[in-house]
Amino acid sequence: MPRSRSQGTPATRSIDLGADLEGEARDVAADHAQLALKARAEGKRIAILSGGELTVTVRGNGRGGPNQEYALALAGPAEGHARHFGAGRAIPTAPTAAPAARPIRPAR
């Protein structure tokens, strides 16, 4: 997992993972989910900030892009315990009728 820089008070800590993340979107989402769940188990509230160029390996007739893959992969382990905001390039790299991300229920 990438090294992080932390800022803020313990109640509102941000974790900046940098702007150069690379890798499969689902793997990065799993790492982020683990950070979020660990913080929750410790009673902490955090914001995870990161950027970079994530990729998706399309299998079969799959469609979608890295933002969609990231959001769906994050939703599994962090369902109900995390909020996600994602943004990407305006250049369509994987045309799909599906939205770029699916809403995750508000954190409790």
C-alpha atoms as a PDB file:
ATOM      1  CA  MET A   1       0.000   0.000   0.000  1.00  0.00           C
ATOM      2  CA  PRO A   2       1.322   3.493  -0.806  1.00  0.00           C
ATOM      3  CA  ARG A   3       2.837   5.665   1.894  1.00  0.00           C
ATOM      4  CA  SER A   4       0.553   8.429   3.096  1.00  0.00           C
ATOM      5  CA  ARG A   5       0.734  11.914   4.516  1.00  0.00           C
ATOM      6  CA  SER A   6      -1.845  12.684   7.187  1.00  0.00           C
ATOM      7  CA  GLN A   7      -3.298  16.060   8.090  1.00  0.00           C
ATOM      8  CA  GLY A   8      -6.016  17.393  10.362  1.00  0.00           C
ATOM      9  CA  THR A   9      -7.225  16.552  13.821  1.00  0.00           C
ATOM     10  CA  PRO A  10      -7.918  12.955  14.872  1.00  0.00           C
ATOM     11  CA  ALA A  11     -11.655  13.529  14.358  1.00  0.00           C
ATOM     12  CA  THR A  12     -11.250  14.816  10.794  1.00  0.00           C
ATOM     13  CA  ARG A  13      -8.036  13.268   9.532  1.00  0.00           C
ATOM     14  CA  SER A  14      -7.245  13.218   5.831  1.00  0.00           C
ATOM     15  CA  ILE A  15      -4.939  10.680   4.227  1.00  0.00           C
ATOM     16  CA  ASP A  16      -3.263  11.916   1.052  1.00  0.00           C
ATOM     17  CA  LEU A  17      -2.002   8.972  -1.013  1.00  0.00           C
ATOM     18  CA  GLY A  18      -0.659  11.237  -3.728  1.00  0.00           C
ATOM     19  CA  ALA A  19      -1.563  11.883  -7.330  1.00  0.00           C
ATOM     20  CA  ASP A  20       0.354   9.045  -8.964  1.00  0.00           C
ATOM     21  CA  LEU A  21      -1.572   5.880  -8.100  1.00  0.00           C
ATOM     22  CA  GLU A  22      -1.587   3.209 -10.783  1.00  0.00           C
ATOM     23  CA  GLY A  23      -3.039  -0.255 -11.001  1.00  0.00           C
ATOM     24  CA  GLU A  24      -6.261  -2.163 -11.371  1.00  0.00           C
ATOM     25  CA  ALA A  25      -9.198  -0.083 -10.153  1.00  0.00           C
ATOM     26  CA  ARG A  26     -10.639  -2.967  -8.099  1.00  0.00           C
ATOM     27  CA  ASP A  27      -7.305  -3.505  -6.279  1.00  0.00           C
ATOM     28  CA  VAL A  28      -6.916   0.185  -5.431  1.00  0.00           C
ATOM     29  CA  ALA A  29     -10.541   0.248  -4.207  1.00  0.00           C
ATOM     30  CA  ALA A  30      -9.841  -2.756  -1.971  1.00  0.00           C
ATOM     31  CA  ASP A  31      -6.836  -0.953  -0.450  1.00  0.00           C
ATOM     32  CA  HIS A  32      -8.915   2.181   0.131  1.00  0.00           C
ATOM     33  CA  ALA A  33     -11.723   0.127   1.677  1.00  0.00           C
ATOM     34  CA  GLN A  34      -9.273  -1.477   4.087  1.00  0.00           C
ATOM     35  CA  LEU A  35      -8.009   1.967   5.155  1.00  0.00           C
ATOM     36  CA  ALA A  36     -11.582   3.157   5.706  1.00  0.00           C
ATOM     37  CA  LEU A  37     -12.675   0.063   7.623  1.00  0.00           C
ATOM     38  CA  LYS A  38      -9.551   0.118   9.819  1.00  0.00           C
ATOM     39  CA  ALA A  39     -10.181   3.760  10.692  1.00  0.00           C
ATOM     40  CA  ARG A  40     -13.830   3.011  11.467  1.00  0.00           C
ATOM     41  CA  ALA A  41     -12.848   0.118  13.745  1.00  0.00           C
ATOM     42  CA  GLU A  42     -10.563   2.547  15.601  1.00  0.00           C
ATOM     43  CA  GLY A  43     -13.396   5.090  15.926  1.00  0.00           C
ATOM     44  CA  LYS A  44     -11.765   7.541  13.518  1.00  0.00           C
ATOM     45  CA  ARG A  45     -13.253   9.537  10.663  1.00  0.00           C
ATOM     46  CA  ILE A  46     -11.007   9.946   7.634  1.00  0.00           C
ATOM     47  CA  ALA A  47     -10.999  11.277   4.105  1.00  0.00           C
ATOM     48  CA  ILE A  48      -8.843   9.376   1.628  1.00  0.00           C
ATOM     49  CA  LEU A  49      -7.485  11.562  -1.170  1.00  0.00           C
ATOM     50  CA  SER A  50      -5.784  10.097  -4.201  1.00  0.00           C
ATOM     51  CA  GLY A  51      -5.312  10.517  -7.908  1.00  0.00           C
ATOM     52  CA  GLY A  52      -3.612   8.757 -10.742  1.00  0.00           C
ATOM     53  CA  GLU A  53      -4.380   6.504 -13.658  1.00  0.00           C
ATOM     54  CA  LEU A  54      -6.307   3.353 -12.796  1.00  0.00           C
ATOM     55  CA  THR A  55      -6.950   0.597 -15.288  1.00  0.00           C
ATOM     56  CA  VAL A  56      -9.548  -2.098 -15.866  1.00  0.00           C
ATOM     57  CA  THR A  57      -8.985  -5.499 -17.403  1.00  0.00           C
ATOM     58  CA  VAL A  58     -12.154  -6.211 -19.376  1.00  0.00           C
ATOM     59  CA  ARG A  59     -13.161  -9.861 -19.452  1.00  0.00           C
ATOM     60  CA  GLY A  60     -15.729 -11.314 -21.821  1.00  0.00           C
ATOM     61  CA  ASN A  61     -18.241  -8.759 -23.032  1.00  0.00           C
ATOM     62  CA  GLY A  62     -17.757  -6.478 -20.019  1.00  0.00           C
ATOM     63  CA  ARG A  63     -18.097  -2.731 -20.421  1.00  0.00           C
ATOM     64  CA  GLY A  64     -17.201   0.196 -18.243  1.00  0.00           C
ATOM     65  CA  GLY A  65     -14.224   2.177 -17.111  1.00  0.00           C
ATOM     66  CA  PRO A  66     -11.979   2.648 -14.107  1.00  0.00           C
ATOM     67  CA  ASN A  67     -14.277   5.027 -12.181  1.00  0.00           C
ATOM     68  CA  GLN A  68     -17.170   2.596 -12.454  1.00  0.00           C
ATOM     69  CA  GLU A  69     -14.986  -0.376 -11.523  1.00  0.00           C
ATOM     70  CA  TYR A  70     -13.506   1.495  -8.536  1.00  0.00           C
ATOM     71  CA  ALA A  71     -16.914   2.537  -7.197  1.00  0.00           C
ATOM     72  CA  LEU A  72     -18.399  -0.938  -7.530  1.00  0.00           C
ATOM     73  CA  ALA A  73     -15.357  -2.614  -5.962  1.00  0.00           C
ATOM     74  CA  LEU A  74     -15.384  -0.138  -3.057  1.00  0.00           C
ATOM     75  CA  ALA A  75     -19.100  -0.629  -2.475  1.00  0.00           C
ATOM     76  CA  GLY A  76     -18.673  -4.294  -1.530  1.00  0.00           C
ATOM     77  CA  PRO A  77     -16.397  -4.227   1.512  1.00  0.00           C
ATOM     78  CA  ALA A  78     -17.251  -0.684   2.601  1.00  0.00           C
ATOM     79  CA  GLU A  79     -21.030  -0.841   2.023  1.00  0.00           C
ATOM     80  CA  GLY A  80     -22.737   1.446   4.493  1.00  0.00           C
ATOM     81  CA  HIS A  81     -19.453   2.582   6.036  1.00  0.00           C
ATOM     82  CA  ALA A  82     -18.026   4.895   3.393  1.00  0.00           C
ATOM     83  CA  ARG A  83     -18.929   7.690   1.043  1.00  0.00           C
ATOM     84  CA  HIS A  84     -17.323   7.891  -2.351  1.00  0.00           C
ATOM     85  CA  PHE A  85     -16.742  10.824  -4.643  1.00  0.00           C
ATOM     86  CA  GLY A  86     -14.959  10.121  -7.891  1.00  0.00           C
ATOM     87  CA  ALA A  87     -14.018  12.217 -10.866  1.00  0.00           C
ATOM     88  CA  GLY A  88     -12.323  11.352 -14.099  1.00  0.00           C
ATOM     89  CA  ARG A  89     -11.306  12.657 -17.461  1.00  0.00           C
ATOM     90  CA  ALA A  90     -13.993  13.908 -19.792  1.00  0.00           C
ATOM     91  CA  ILE A  91     -12.493  11.775 -22.550  1.00  0.00           C
ATOM     92  CA  PRO A  92     -14.685   8.689 -22.958  1.00  0.00           C
ATOM     93  CA  THR A  93     -12.355   5.698 -22.741  1.00  0.00           C
ATOM     94  CA  ALA A  94     -14.991   2.992 -22.303  1.00  0.00           C
ATOM     95  CA  PRO A  95     -18.417   3.857 -23.704  1.00  0.00           C
ATOM     96  CA  THR A  96     -21.188   2.424 -21.570  1.00  0.00           C
ATOM     97  CA  ALA A  97     -24.801   3.182 -20.766  1.00  0.00           C
ATOM     98  CA  ALA A  98     -24.059   2.622 -17.065  1.00  0.00           C
ATOM     99  CA  PRO A  99     -23.333   5.574 -14.785  1.00  0.00           C
ATOM    100  CA  ALA A 100     -19.725   6.283 -13.832  1.00  0.00           C
ATOM    101  CA  ALA A 101     -20.428   5.294 -10.234  1.00  0.00           C
ATOM    102  CA  ARG A 102     -23.221   3.884  -8.161  1.00  0.00           C
ATOM    103  CA  PRO A 103     -24.265   5.697  -5.005  1.00  0.00           C
ATOM    104  CA  ILE A 104     -23.065   4.205  -1.759  1.00  0.00           C
ATOM    105  CA  ARG A 105     -25.385   4.530   1.231  1.00  0.00           C
ATOM    106  CA  PRO A 106     -24.413   7.298   3.660  1.00  0.00           C
ATOM    107  CA  ALA A 107     -21.954   6.296   6.354  1.00  0.00           C
ATOM    108  CA  ARG A 108     -23.502   5.554   9.726  1.00  0.00           C
END
